[in-house]
Amino acid sequence: MTIDPLAMTCPAPLRGGDTVLLGHGSGGQLMAELLADLVPVLGAEGQDDAATVHMASPDVVISTDAFVVTPRFFPGGDIGSLAVHGTVNDVAMMGARPVAISLAYVIEEGLPMAELREVTASVARAAAAAGVRVVTGDTKVVGRGAADGLYLVTTGIGTPIPGAAVSARHGAPGDAVLISGPIGLHGITILSTREGLGFESEISSDSRPLHRLVAAMVEAAGSSVHVLRDPTRGGLASALNELAAASAVGVRLDEQAVPIPAQVAAACDLLGLDPLHVANEGCLVAFVHEDAAEPVLAAMRALPEGAQACRIGAVVADHPGRVVMRTLLGSTRVVDMLIGEQLPRIC
């Protein structure tokens, strides 16, 4: 029997509508069907490989991030809303107003299609609530075991808020150290949900966008808002150590003033964790000129995301690059940056 190779055809891939297949990342018909399913949910326009974003300012602030959180769904959010909030907040911490986001999916073959749609809908809701657009993106599918279900990669772009002059290098002795709300909620929520510790019934992630809070702070004090940072991985301790080093200043905290929720304190006591090292996704720390501290606090407290804002310390000329804290017992201890990974896969 003679076989004519020119007459041979490859069978069409099985569509298996309930899960993602390698073919969904092939660039062919399956991928086109997947994009036709997901892109309208995000509100993105067209099928181009890039997008034009009209900016109100010649200056642009850009931030790129990747999200690998496990579990992907947790009290207070999921990987989709977390990706939007984290990207928006990174842009906002430069004193900028977020405008648009790009979004790339890295999907493991076998991921339930319903879960992918749920994450996509969450991205769309979070972006709409934050007032930003998802303008472009990409989709890659990898084989089983090559990833852990779903990773998201984002880039956010924004324009500087008029009057803002924010930089990690702008901290100055005499600045007040302010925080917008309680710490440790996100990290403990993720850890408890992942390990089934039971705290998730009493606690939820603080994941939320902070750009409107930043705009209110800048409106209240302009360039007197010197430094902004969202203390995510490594927690408040690592963020303050990074800022102290960047500005060549010291930071002095008051333990009594740092807002630690009772559930976070209890979980940290049980697990032997320092709340200052636990990740956050919905609060910011700021160095603000002393004369502007009260007006900025008033502006922060006028918004839901800053309702519990408070002063937790001061920037000092002593011990540049180091953070110390006056404890409840009246002693002073060094607050070190986190070494290694305390809670992996929290964002």
Foldseek 3Di string as FASTA:
>chain_A
DDDDVVPDDDDDDDCPQFWAAQVCAVPDDNVVVLCVVQVVLQVADDDDQDFDDDAPDPDKFKDKDKAQFPPQDFFPHGRQLLVVQQQLAVSLQQQWHWAEKEKEKEFETGQTPVVVNVSSNNNNVNCVVSVYGHHHYYYHYDYPPPGDGMMMMMMIMTGHDPLEDEDLQQFDFQWFKKKQDAFQQLQVRSVCVRVVVPCRVPGGAQAHHCNVLSNLLCVQPRHQFYGKDAQFQQAQLQVQLSSLQNNQWEWEFEAVFHHHDPSRVVVCVVVVHDRRRHGHNQMMMTTGRPVRVVSSLVSSCVDPSRVPMDTTTTIRRPPRSWYWYQYPVRDIDTRHGDDDGPRPSSD
